[in-house]
Amino acid sequence: MADSTADGVERRLPTDEARELISLVRDIARREIAPHAAEEEAAGHFPRELFALLSRSGLLGLPYDPEYGGGGQPYEVYLQVLEELAAARLTVGLGVSVHSLSCHALAGYGTEEQRAAHLPAMLGGGLLGAYCLSEPSAGSDAAALRTRAVREGDEWVVEGTKAWITHGGIADFCTVMARTGGPGARGVTAFLVPGDAPGLSAAPPERKMGMKGSPTAQLHFDGVRVGDDRRLGREGQGFAIALDALDSGRLGIAACAVGLAQAALDEAVAYARERRQFGRPIADFQGLRFLLADMATRIEAGRALYLEAARLRDEGRAFGRSAAMAKLFCTDAAMQVTTDAVQVLGGYGYTADFPVERYLREAKMLQIVEGTNQIQRVVIARHLVGPESR
C-alpha cells in the first residue's frame, strides 16, 4: 500500500489501516499543530492540551498491545507517525517518542498485574511520561549513575538527581533508573514513579538554544518512597532494561530527524520556486538545484535506514546496530539539511520570519539526545569488532 510524502515521493505502508492512520495524523498536524508551532515555540509554550488530543486519538500508545489500550501498530508504522508529527513541530514528535520510551520498561518487563494496573492510563488516559536515566555526572557514561534506592520493608526510598529530563516537571509518571546494588551496570534497578510523589521536585527548565516549547529539567528525588510493586523487572536488571528501551528510542529520534529535515526541504523548495533573482526563479540555477537534490537524497536515505531497522524490530530480529546507524545518519542528515535550507533562503533564512532557522537550532539537539552521535559510533563499532580490549 503506497502513500506520498509532502514532496510527492511514494512510501510503502503495510495495510489500509496504516494508510488511514497516516492520513489522520497529517490532518491533525495540518489543523492543530503546524499553525501554532512558530508562535508557541517562540513563547516557550508546551502544548499539553494537544497531547491530550493525541491521547484521545490513540496516538500515544501506537506500538503497544491493544489489550492494555495500545494501538497494536508495527514500529514501521509508528515511526512514520512520529515523522509526520515532527515535520509539523518537533516538540510534539519528540514528546510522543519520549512518552513511548517511558512506557517501554513497564510494557516489556512489568508483571501482568503491573501492566493491567498502569498501562491503560499511560497509553490512552491522557497521561504523559518522562524517562529518567541521565544525571549531572552520568550522561554518556550512564552506568555511573548515583541516584540510589534503598529498600525499607515493602518500599524503596529514592535519593538523587536526574538531569536533561524531557517533560521534567510536567510528567505524570517517570521511569527511573536507580542504584540498588554495587557500582556499574549490574547494580541498577528500574522503578515506575508517580509524577506527584512526595519528595519529587523539578528544577527550573533548562535555557536551550532550541526546542523551547519542550521543557527539559533536572528532577530531584528527596526521600521519594516507591512501593516494591512499582519495581520493574528484577533487582539489578534496570540498566539492561534502559539499554533495551534506548534501542527503540533511537529509532524514534531518527524518525523525528527525518521529519524535521523534510519540513526544511519543503520550505526550501517552496522558497526557491518563488524567489526571483536575475529575472528568473532561483530554482533555475544549477548550483541551487544540486543543493536541493543532495538534501532530498539525504532524507530518502535516512528514511530507508530507519524503516529497515524498524522492520528488523517488527520481525523480532536483532536491530541494535541498525538503530544506532539510523540515529547517527538521520540526525547528521537533519543537521546538514537544515543548514542547507538556511543557505537556500539566504538572509531570510537567518531570520525568525521563516521557520528554517528554528529547524536548524532544533536539529542540533537531535545529535545529542538518546546517546550522542559519538556514542552511536561506539555502539556500531562494538557490533563490528567487539568491545574495547580493556
Protein backbone atom coordinates (compact mmCIF):
# COMPACT_ATOMS: atom_id res chain seq x y z
CA MET A 1 0.00 0.00 0.00
CA ALA A 2 1.51 3.34 -1.06
CA ASP A 3 1.18 6.85 0.30
CA SER A 4 3.05 10.05 -0.53
CA THR A 5 5.28 12.40 1.41
CA ALA A 6 4.89 16.16 1.12
CA ASP A 7 7.31 16.26 -1.83
CA GLY A 8 5.38 13.60 -3.71
CA VAL A 9 7.68 10.65 -3.02
CA GLU A 10 5.76 7.42 -2.51
CA ARG A 11 6.30 5.48 0.69
CA ARG A 12 5.19 1.97 1.43
CA LEU A 13 2.57 1.33 4.11
CA PRO A 14 1.76 -2.26 5.02
CA THR A 15 -2.05 -2.03 5.38
CA ASP A 16 -5.09 0.10 4.60
CA GLU A 17 -5.33 0.75 8.34
CA ALA A 18 -1.82 2.19 8.30
CA ARG A 19 -2.67 4.46 5.38
CA GLU A 20 -5.76 5.73 7.19
CA LEU A 21 -3.70 6.31 10.33
CA ILE A 22 -1.11 8.38 8.47
CA SER A 23 -3.92 10.36 6.85
CA LEU A 24 -5.41 11.08 10.30
CA VAL A 25 -2.05 12.20 11.65
CA ARG A 26 -1.46 14.52 8.70
CA ASP A 27 -4.88 16.06 9.21
CA ILE A 28 -4.18 16.69 12.90
CA ALA A 29 -0.74 18.05 12.04
CA ARG A 30 -2.13 20.42 9.42
CA ARG A 31 -5.06 21.69 11.51
CA GLU A 32 -3.86 21.53 15.11
CA ILE A 33 -0.07 21.53 15.21
CA ALA A 34 1.64 23.40 12.37
CA PRO A 35 -0.40 26.65 12.52
CA HIS A 36 0.72 27.35 16.11
CA ALA A 37 4.23 25.89 16.06
CA ALA A 38 6.32 29.03 15.47
CA GLU A 39 4.39 31.22 17.90
CA GLU A 40 4.29 28.65 20.68
CA GLU A 41 7.96 27.69 20.31
CA ALA A 42 8.97 31.35 20.50
CA ALA A 43 6.86 31.73 23.65
CA GLY A 44 8.21 28.50 25.18
CA HIS A 45 4.70 27.06 25.40
CA PHE A 46 4.29 23.32 25.84
CA PRO A 47 1.03 22.19 24.16
CA ARG A 48 -0.30 19.90 26.89
CA GLU A 49 -3.82 20.21 25.50
CA LEU A 50 -2.53 18.88 22.18
CA PHE A 51 -1.08 15.79 23.86
CA ALA A 52 -4.49 15.21 25.41
CA LEU A 53 -5.93 15.25 21.88
CA LEU A 54 -3.26 12.82 20.68
CA SER A 55 -4.08 10.53 23.61
CA ARG A 56 -7.80 10.58 22.78
CA SER A 57 -6.91 9.82 19.16
CA GLY A 58 -4.93 6.76 20.21
CA LEU A 59 -1.57 8.18 19.12
CA LEU A 60 0.33 7.93 22.42
CA GLY A 61 0.37 4.15 22.59
CA LEU A 62 0.65 3.07 18.96
CA PRO A 63 3.34 0.35 19.25
CA TYR A 64 1.87 -1.28 22.36
CA ASP A 65 -0.55 -4.14 23.00
CA PRO A 66 -4.23 -3.31 22.36
CA GLU A 67 -5.09 -5.39 25.46
CA TYR A 68 -3.76 -2.51 27.55
CA GLY A 69 -5.03 0.35 25.41
CA GLY A 70 -2.24 0.42 22.84
CA GLY A 71 -2.62 0.68 19.08
CA GLY A 72 -1.01 -2.61 18.17
CA GLN A 73 0.88 -0.98 15.29
CA PRO A 74 4.22 -2.25 13.99
CA TYR A 75 7.20 0.01 14.56
CA GLU A 76 7.42 0.56 10.82
CA VAL A 77 4.10 2.44 11.00
CA TYR A 78 4.59 4.06 14.41
CA LEU A 79 7.85 5.68 13.27
CA GLN A 80 6.19 7.15 10.20
CA VAL A 81 3.62 8.72 12.51
CA LEU A 82 6.47 10.27 14.50
CA GLU A 83 7.97 11.60 11.28
CA GLU A 84 4.71 13.33 10.36
CA LEU A 85 4.33 14.86 13.83
CA ALA A 86 7.94 16.06 13.92
CA ALA A 87 7.59 17.65 10.48
CA ALA A 88 4.76 19.76 11.88
CA ARG A 89 6.52 20.53 15.19
CA LEU A 90 9.49 18.73 16.68
CA THR A 91 8.32 19.37 20.25
CA VAL A 92 5.30 17.18 19.50
CA GLY A 93 7.08 14.41 17.62
CA LEU A 94 9.84 14.17 20.19
CA GLY A 95 7.31 14.34 23.03
CA VAL A 96 5.44 11.33 21.67
CA SER A 97 8.73 9.46 21.22
CA VAL A 98 9.81 10.18 24.81
CA HIS A 99 6.41 9.18 26.15
CA SER A 100 6.64 5.87 24.28
CA LEU A 101 10.15 5.37 25.65
CA SER A 102 8.81 5.97 29.17
CA CYS A 103 6.24 3.19 28.72
CA HIS A 104 8.76 0.66 27.40
CA ALA A 105 10.00 -0.73 30.72
CA LEU A 106 6.52 -1.44 32.07
CA ALA A 107 5.23 -2.89 28.79
CA GLY A 108 8.28 -5.09 28.28
CA TYR A 109 9.30 -6.07 31.81
CA GLY A 110 6.34 -5.41 34.11
CA THR A 111 4.20 -8.19 35.55
CA GLU A 112 0.70 -8.83 34.24
CA GLU A 113 -0.66 -7.15 37.37
CA GLN A 114 1.53 -4.07 36.86
CA ARG A 115 0.56 -3.74 33.22
CA ALA A 116 -3.13 -4.05 33.95
CA ALA A 117 -2.88 -1.50 36.77
CA HIS A 118 -0.92 1.20 34.98
CA LEU A 119 -0.58 0.76 31.20
CA PRO A 120 -4.15 1.71 30.13
CA ALA A 121 -3.87 5.14 31.74
CA MET A 122 -0.33 5.62 30.41
CA LEU A 123 -1.25 4.67 26.84
CA GLY A 124 -4.65 6.24 26.43
CA GLY A 125 -5.63 8.06 29.60
CA GLY A 126 -4.13 11.45 28.86
CA LEU A 127 -1.00 10.88 30.96
CA LEU A 128 2.46 11.99 29.90
CA GLY A 129 5.70 10.22 30.80
CA ALA A 130 9.37 11.03 31.42
CA TYR A 131 12.40 8.76 31.09
CA CYS A 132 14.95 9.27 33.86
CA LEU A 133 18.38 7.80 33.18
CA SER A 134 20.89 10.64 32.75
CA GLU A 135 22.36 12.56 35.69
CA PRO A 136 24.58 15.63 36.07
CA SER A 137 27.67 13.40 36.27
CA ALA A 138 26.36 10.45 34.24
CA GLY A 139 25.50 11.28 30.65
CA SER A 140 27.26 9.16 28.04
CA ASP A 141 28.59 7.07 30.95
CA ALA A 142 25.08 6.23 32.11
CA ALA A 143 26.21 3.22 34.14
CA ALA A 144 27.93 5.66 36.53
CA LEU A 145 24.57 6.96 37.79
CA ARG A 146 24.42 7.81 41.51
CA THR A 147 20.71 8.11 42.26
CA ARG A 148 20.13 5.44 44.89
CA ALA A 149 17.13 3.44 46.02
CA VAL A 150 17.35 1.80 49.45
CA ARG A 151 14.83 -0.82 50.47
CA GLU A 152 12.79 -0.32 53.64
CA GLY A 153 10.32 -3.16 54.05
CA ASP A 154 7.91 -3.14 51.10
CA GLU A 155 9.12 0.27 49.92
CA TRP A 156 12.17 1.82 48.30
CA VAL A 157 13.48 5.24 49.29
CA VAL A 158 14.94 7.11 46.30
CA GLU A 159 17.56 9.85 46.68
CA GLY A 160 19.39 11.68 43.91
CA THR A 161 19.13 13.95 40.89
CA LYS A 162 18.28 13.18 37.28
CA ALA A 163 19.28 15.61 34.51
CA TRP A 164 18.21 16.54 30.97
CA ILE A 165 14.76 15.08 31.53
CA THR A 166 12.28 15.82 28.74
CA HIS A 167 8.90 16.67 30.31
CA GLY A 168 10.71 17.26 33.61
CA GLY A 169 8.29 18.97 35.99
CA ILE A 170 5.14 18.23 33.96
CA ALA A 171 5.21 14.42 33.57
CA ASP A 172 2.53 12.34 35.25
CA PHE A 173 4.87 9.37 35.68
CA CYS A 174 8.59 8.71 35.45
CA THR A 175 10.50 5.59 34.57
CA VAL A 176 13.53 5.92 36.86
CA MET A 177 16.82 4.03 36.89
CA ALA A 178 18.34 3.97 40.39
CA ARG A 179 21.24 2.19 42.02
CA THR A 180 20.15 -0.59 44.37
CA GLY A 181 23.42 -2.51 44.48
CA GLY A 182 27.12 -2.06 43.88
CA PRO A 183 28.85 0.04 41.22
CA GLY A 184 28.44 -0.47 37.50
CA ALA A 185 25.61 -1.61 35.27
CA ARG A 186 24.58 -4.63 37.36
CA GLY A 187 23.63 -2.54 40.39
CA VAL A 188 20.79 -0.60 38.71
CA THR A 189 17.04 -1.23 39.06
CA ALA A 190 14.06 0.32 37.23
CA PHE A 191 11.08 1.90 39.00
CA LEU A 192 7.79 3.47 37.95
CA VAL A 193 7.43 6.66 40.00
CA PRO A 194 4.29 8.86 40.05
CA GLY A 195 4.95 12.40 38.92
CA ASP A 196 3.33 13.81 42.05
CA ALA A 197 5.18 11.59 44.54
CA PRO A 198 6.09 13.42 47.77
CA GLY A 199 9.74 14.43 47.70
CA LEU A 200 9.91 14.65 43.89
CA SER A 201 10.55 18.15 42.59
CA ALA A 202 11.79 19.80 39.41
CA ALA A 203 14.42 22.49 38.92
CA PRO A 204 13.63 25.42 36.60
CA PRO A 205 13.66 24.31 32.95
CA GLU A 206 16.97 24.50 31.11
CA ARG A 207 17.51 27.52 28.85
CA LYS A 208 18.11 25.88 25.49
CA MET A 209 19.04 27.15 22.03
CA GLY A 210 16.08 25.28 20.52
CA MET A 211 13.08 23.16 21.46
CA LYS A 212 11.99 25.93 23.80
CA GLY A 213 8.45 24.59 23.91
CA SER A 214 9.61 21.23 25.26
CA PRO A 215 10.53 21.52 28.96
CA THR A 216 13.86 19.93 29.92
CA ALA A 217 14.71 19.98 33.61
CA GLN A 218 16.54 18.27 36.44
CA LEU A 219 14.41 16.15 38.75
CA HIS A 220 15.31 15.91 42.43
CA PHE A 221 14.39 12.82 44.45
CA ASP A 222 14.45 13.71 48.14
CA GLY A 223 13.35 10.63 50.07
CA VAL A 224 10.78 9.60 47.45
CA ARG A 225 9.05 6.42 48.60
CA VAL A 226 8.12 3.85 45.96
CA GLY A 227 6.34 0.58 46.71
CA ASP A 228 8.05 -2.62 45.63
CA ASP A 229 5.01 -3.20 43.44
CA ARG A 230 6.38 -0.39 41.25
CA ARG A 231 9.76 -2.06 40.72
CA LEU A 232 10.04 -3.07 37.06
CA GLY A 233 11.89 -6.27 36.32
CA ARG A 234 14.36 -7.91 38.68
CA GLU A 235 16.67 -6.07 41.04
CA GLY A 236 19.82 -5.26 39.13
CA GLN A 237 18.13 -5.59 35.73
CA GLY A 238 17.48 -1.88 35.32
CA PHE A 239 20.45 -1.00 33.16
CA ALA A 240 19.68 -3.79 30.69
CA ILE A 241 16.09 -2.53 30.58
CA ALA A 242 17.33 1.01 29.95
CA LEU A 243 19.55 -0.06 27.05
CA ASP A 244 16.76 -2.13 25.53
CA ALA A 245 14.48 0.90 25.64
CA LEU A 246 17.15 3.12 24.10
CA ASP A 247 17.47 0.89 21.03
CA SER A 248 13.81 1.59 20.27
CA GLY A 249 14.08 5.21 21.37
CA ARG A 250 16.90 5.83 18.93
CA LEU A 251 14.62 4.83 16.10
CA GLY A 252 12.13 7.40 17.36
CA ILE A 253 14.80 10.10 17.24
CA ALA A 254 15.80 9.00 13.72
CA ALA A 255 12.21 9.31 12.50
CA CYS A 256 11.85 12.73 14.13
CA ALA A 257 15.07 13.86 12.46
CA VAL A 258 13.78 12.81 9.04
CA GLY A 259 10.52 14.66 9.68
CA LEU A 260 12.37 17.83 10.64
CA ALA A 261 14.63 17.56 7.59
CA GLN A 262 11.62 17.00 5.33
CA ALA A 263 9.99 20.16 6.68
CA ALA A 264 13.19 22.11 5.98
CA LEU A 265 13.40 20.75 2.43
CA ASP A 266 9.75 21.57 1.73
CA GLU A 267 10.32 25.14 2.89
CA ALA A 268 13.48 25.47 0.80
CA VAL A 269 11.82 24.10 -2.35
CA ALA A 270 8.81 26.41 -1.99
CA TYR A 271 11.07 29.42 -1.48
CA ALA A 272 13.31 28.53 -4.42
CA ARG A 273 10.32 28.36 -6.73
CA GLU A 274 9.01 31.78 -5.67
CA ARG A 275 12.19 33.79 -5.11
CA ARG A 276 13.34 35.55 -8.28
CA GLN A 277 16.81 36.88 -8.95
CA PHE A 278 18.40 37.93 -12.25
CA GLY A 279 14.98 37.74 -13.87
CA ARG A 280 14.08 34.13 -13.02
CA PRO A 281 13.32 31.85 -10.06
CA ILE A 282 16.42 30.86 -8.15
CA ALA A 283 15.28 27.24 -8.58
CA ASP A 284 16.53 27.59 -12.17
CA PHE A 285 20.17 27.86 -11.06
CA GLN A 286 22.12 24.63 -11.20
CA GLY A 287 24.10 25.28 -8.03
CA LEU A 288 20.90 25.56 -6.01
CA ARG A 289 19.22 22.66 -7.80
CA PHE A 290 22.14 20.40 -6.89
CA LEU A 291 21.92 21.55 -3.27
CA LEU A 292 18.22 20.64 -3.13
CA ALA A 293 18.95 17.29 -4.78
CA ASP A 294 21.54 16.47 -2.13
CA MET A 295 19.12 17.45 0.63
CA ALA A 296 16.39 15.20 -0.78
CA THR A 297 18.82 12.29 -1.18
CA ARG A 298 19.94 12.51 2.46
CA ILE A 299 16.32 12.49 3.60
CA GLU A 300 15.39 9.47 1.49
CA ALA A 301 18.48 7.57 2.63
CA GLY A 302 17.68 8.31 6.27
CA ARG A 303 14.07 7.26 5.85
CA ALA A 304 15.10 3.98 4.25
CA LEU A 305 17.60 3.33 7.05
CA TYR A 306 15.18 3.86 9.92
CA LEU A 307 12.42 1.87 8.21
CA GLU A 308 14.73 -1.08 7.61
CA ALA A 309 15.73 -1.06 11.29
CA ALA A 310 12.04 -0.90 12.23
CA ARG A 311 11.28 -3.94 10.08
CA LEU A 312 14.04 -5.88 11.81
CA ARG A 313 12.47 -4.98 15.16
CA ASP A 314 9.00 -5.95 13.96
CA GLU A 315 10.34 -9.34 12.84
CA GLY A 316 11.86 -9.98 16.26
CA ARG A 317 15.41 -9.82 14.91
CA ALA A 318 18.41 -8.02 16.40
CA PHE A 319 18.23 -4.34 15.47
CA GLY A 320 20.55 -2.53 17.91
CA ARG A 321 23.28 -1.87 15.36
CA SER A 322 20.76 -0.71 12.76
CA ALA A 323 19.09 1.55 15.32
CA ALA A 324 22.42 3.18 16.15
CA MET A 325 23.18 3.63 12.45
CA ALA A 326 19.76 5.15 11.81
CA LYS A 327 20.06 7.56 14.73
CA LEU A 328 23.56 8.57 13.65
CA PHE A 329 22.82 9.04 9.96
CA CYS A 330 19.37 10.62 10.25
CA THR A 331 20.34 13.23 12.84
CA ASP A 332 23.55 14.15 10.99
CA ALA A 333 21.46 14.42 7.83
CA ALA A 334 18.95 16.68 9.59
CA MET A 335 21.77 18.96 10.72
CA GLN A 336 23.12 19.21 7.16
CA VAL A 337 19.72 19.62 5.52
CA THR A 338 18.58 22.38 7.90
CA THR A 339 21.91 24.18 7.44
CA ASP A 340 21.46 24.00 3.67
CA ALA A 341 17.86 25.19 3.95
CA VAL A 342 19.05 28.34 5.71
CA GLN A 343 21.55 28.84 2.89
CA VAL A 344 18.85 28.49 0.23
CA LEU A 345 16.82 31.24 1.88
CA GLY A 346 19.91 33.43 2.33
CA GLY A 347 19.39 36.37 4.65
CA TYR A 348 15.74 35.49 5.11
CA GLY A 349 16.75 32.07 6.32
CA TYR A 350 18.68 33.66 9.17
CA THR A 351 15.60 35.50 10.44
CA ALA A 352 12.75 34.25 12.62
CA ASP A 353 10.30 35.27 9.89
CA PHE A 354 10.90 31.88 8.29
CA PRO A 355 10.96 28.55 10.15
CA VAL A 356 14.27 27.22 8.82
CA GLU A 357 16.38 28.99 11.47
CA ARG A 358 14.28 27.21 14.12
CA TYR A 359 14.72 23.92 12.32
CA LEU A 360 18.49 24.42 12.37
CA ARG A 361 18.54 25.08 16.12
CA GLU A 362 16.32 22.08 16.77
CA ALA A 363 18.37 19.72 14.59
CA LYS A 364 21.45 20.20 16.76
CA MET A 365 19.65 18.74 19.75
CA LEU A 366 18.88 15.53 17.87
CA GLN A 367 22.59 14.77 17.52
CA ILE A 368 22.86 14.73 21.33
CA VAL A 369 19.77 13.03 22.81
CA GLU A 370 19.33 9.24 23.21
CA GLY A 371 23.11 8.92 23.16
CA THR A 372 25.35 11.38 21.33
CA ASN A 373 26.34 10.51 17.80
CA GLN A 374 29.82 9.72 19.09
CA ILE A 375 28.24 7.09 21.34
CA GLN A 376 26.36 5.71 18.33
CA ARG A 377 29.70 5.18 16.62
CA VAL A 378 30.94 3.34 19.71
CA VAL A 379 27.86 1.10 19.60
CA ILE A 380 28.26 0.38 15.89
CA ALA A 381 31.96 -0.37 16.24
CA ARG A 382 31.29 -2.80 19.11
CA HIS A 383 28.91 -4.71 16.87
CA LEU A 384 31.61 -4.85 14.21
CA VAL A 385 34.77 -5.69 16.17
CA GLY A 386 33.65 -6.35 19.73
CA PRO A 387 34.20 -4.34 22.92
CA GLU A 388 37.43 -2.49 23.63
CA SER A 389 40.18 -4.77 24.91
CA ARG A 390 40.36 -3.00 28.26
